[in-house]
């Protein structure tokens, strides 16, 4: 259900680049990376039982 968030923030970053809002695009890109890292950390440790 919550996996739409990285796609949404990446889309917003793309739109910001299109409209030449570089700082906002970088912040959305950073937010996308943070969401993906948190998502991976949660699923890699909880659901796959991998020790990270």
N, C-alpha and C. Protein backbone atom coordinates (compact mmCIF):
# COMPACT_ATOMS: atom_id res chain seq x y z
N UNK A 1 0.81 -1.20 0.00
CA UNK A 1 0.00 0.00 0.00
C UNK A 1 0.86 1.26 0.00
N UNK A 2 1.91 1.27 0.78
CA UNK A 2 2.73 2.47 0.91
C UNK A 2 3.84 2.54 -0.13
N UNK A 3 3.92 1.59 -1.04
CA UNK A 3 5.00 1.60 -2.02
C UNK A 3 4.77 2.62 -3.13
N UNK A 4 3.64 3.30 -3.13
CA UNK A 4 3.44 4.36 -4.10
C UNK A 4 4.25 5.60 -3.74
N UNK A 5 4.68 5.73 -2.49
CA UNK A 5 5.39 6.93 -2.05
C UNK A 5 6.69 7.18 -2.81
N UNK A 6 7.58 6.19 -3.00
CA UNK A 6 8.78 6.49 -3.78
C UNK A 6 8.47 6.88 -5.22
N UNK A 7 7.46 6.25 -5.80
CA UNK A 7 7.08 6.60 -7.17
C UNK A 7 6.49 8.00 -7.23
N UNK A 8 5.71 8.37 -6.24
CA UNK A 8 5.12 9.70 -6.19
C UNK A 8 6.19 10.76 -6.02
N UNK A 9 7.12 10.55 -5.10
CA UNK A 9 8.17 11.54 -4.88
C UNK A 9 9.11 11.63 -6.09
N UNK A 10 9.36 10.50 -6.75
CA UNK A 10 10.19 10.54 -7.96
C UNK A 10 9.46 11.28 -9.08
N UNK A 11 8.18 11.10 -9.19
CA UNK A 11 7.40 11.83 -10.19
C UNK A 11 7.41 13.32 -9.89
N UNK A 12 7.27 13.69 -8.61
CA UNK A 12 7.32 15.09 -8.25
C UNK A 12 8.69 15.69 -8.53
N UNK A 13 9.75 14.92 -8.29
CA UNK A 13 11.11 15.39 -8.60
C UNK A 13 11.26 15.60 -10.10
N UNK A 14 10.71 14.70 -10.89
CA UNK A 14 10.78 14.84 -12.34
C UNK A 14 10.03 16.09 -12.81
N UNK A 15 8.88 16.32 -12.23
CA UNK A 15 8.12 17.52 -12.59
C UNK A 15 8.86 18.79 -12.18
N UNK A 16 9.53 18.75 -11.03
CA UNK A 16 10.31 19.92 -10.60
C UNK A 16 11.48 20.18 -11.54
N UNK A 17 12.12 19.12 -12.01
CA UNK A 17 13.20 19.30 -12.99
C UNK A 17 12.64 19.89 -14.28
N UNK A 18 11.47 19.41 -14.69
CA UNK A 18 10.85 19.89 -15.91
C UNK A 18 10.57 21.39 -15.82
N UNK A 19 10.12 21.84 -14.63
CA UNK A 19 9.80 23.26 -14.45
C UNK A 19 10.96 24.04 -13.83
N UNK A 20 12.17 23.47 -13.88
CA UNK A 20 13.42 24.12 -13.49
C UNK A 20 13.44 24.57 -12.03
N UNK A 21 12.98 23.72 -11.15
CA UNK A 21 13.07 23.94 -9.71
C UNK A 21 14.08 22.95 -9.16
N UNK A 22 15.35 23.27 -9.29
CA UNK A 22 16.42 22.31 -9.00
C UNK A 22 16.50 21.92 -7.53
N UNK A 23 16.42 22.90 -6.64
CA UNK A 23 16.55 22.60 -5.21
C UNK A 23 15.40 21.73 -4.73
N UNK A 24 14.21 22.02 -5.18
CA UNK A 24 13.05 21.21 -4.81
C UNK A 24 13.16 19.81 -5.40
N UNK A 25 13.68 19.72 -6.61
CA UNK A 25 13.88 18.41 -7.25
C UNK A 25 14.91 17.58 -6.47
N UNK A 26 15.98 18.22 -6.03
CA UNK A 26 16.98 17.51 -5.23
C UNK A 26 16.41 17.05 -3.90
N UNK A 27 15.57 17.86 -3.29
CA UNK A 27 14.97 17.45 -2.02
C UNK A 27 14.01 16.27 -2.22
N UNK A 28 13.23 16.30 -3.30
CA UNK A 28 12.34 15.16 -3.58
C UNK A 28 13.14 13.90 -3.92
N UNK A 29 14.26 14.07 -4.62
CA UNK A 29 15.11 12.92 -4.92
C UNK A 29 15.71 12.34 -3.64
N UNK A 30 16.14 13.20 -2.75
CA UNK A 30 16.65 12.74 -1.45
C UNK A 30 15.58 12.04 -0.64
N UNK A 31 14.38 12.58 -0.66
CA UNK A 31 13.26 11.94 0.04
C UNK A 31 12.96 10.57 -0.55
N UNK A 32 13.02 10.46 -1.87
CA UNK A 32 12.81 9.17 -2.54
C UNK A 32 13.85 8.15 -2.08
N UNK A 33 15.10 8.56 -2.04
CA UNK A 33 16.18 7.65 -1.61
C UNK A 33 15.99 7.24 -0.16
N UNK A 34 15.62 8.17 0.71
CA UNK A 34 15.39 7.84 2.12
C UNK A 34 14.24 6.85 2.27
N UNK A 35 13.16 7.08 1.54
CA UNK A 35 12.01 6.16 1.61
C UNK A 35 12.41 4.77 1.14
N UNK A 36 13.17 4.69 0.04
CA UNK A 36 13.59 3.39 -0.46
C UNK A 36 14.55 2.68 0.50
N UNK A 37 15.44 3.43 1.14
CA UNK A 37 16.35 2.82 2.11
C UNK A 37 15.61 2.30 3.34
N UNK A 38 14.67 3.08 3.83
CA UNK A 38 13.87 2.63 4.98
C UNK A 38 13.04 1.41 4.60
N UNK A 39 12.44 1.44 3.42
CA UNK A 39 11.63 0.32 2.96
C UNK A 39 12.48 -0.94 2.83
N UNK A 40 13.67 -0.81 2.23
CA UNK A 40 14.54 -1.96 2.07
C UNK A 40 15.01 -2.48 3.42
N UNK A 41 15.38 -1.58 4.31
CA UNK A 41 15.87 -1.99 5.63
C UNK A 41 14.79 -2.77 6.39
N UNK A 42 13.56 -2.28 6.34
CA UNK A 42 12.45 -2.95 7.02
C UNK A 42 12.20 -4.33 6.42
N UNK A 43 12.11 -4.42 5.12
CA UNK A 43 11.80 -5.69 4.48
C UNK A 43 12.97 -6.66 4.49
N UNK A 44 14.18 -6.14 4.40
CA UNK A 44 15.34 -7.04 4.40
C UNK A 44 15.56 -7.64 5.78
N UNK A 45 15.26 -6.91 6.83
CA UNK A 45 15.52 -7.43 8.17
C UNK A 45 14.32 -8.21 8.72
N UNK A 46 13.11 -7.74 8.47
CA UNK A 46 11.94 -8.37 9.07
C UNK A 46 11.43 -9.56 8.26
N UNK A 47 11.23 -9.37 6.98
CA UNK A 47 10.57 -10.39 6.18
C UNK A 47 11.53 -11.43 5.61
N UNK A 48 12.76 -11.04 5.38
CA UNK A 48 13.72 -11.99 4.81
C UNK A 48 14.66 -12.60 5.86
N UNK A 49 14.60 -12.09 7.08
CA UNK A 49 15.44 -12.55 8.19
C UNK A 49 16.93 -12.49 7.84
N UNK A 50 17.34 -11.37 7.26
CA UNK A 50 18.75 -11.12 6.96
C UNK A 50 19.30 -10.19 8.02
N UNK A 51 20.43 -10.52 8.55
CA UNK A 51 21.05 -9.67 9.55
C UNK A 51 21.89 -8.59 8.87
N UNK A 52 21.44 -7.34 8.98
CA UNK A 52 22.18 -6.23 8.37
C UNK A 52 22.86 -5.43 9.46
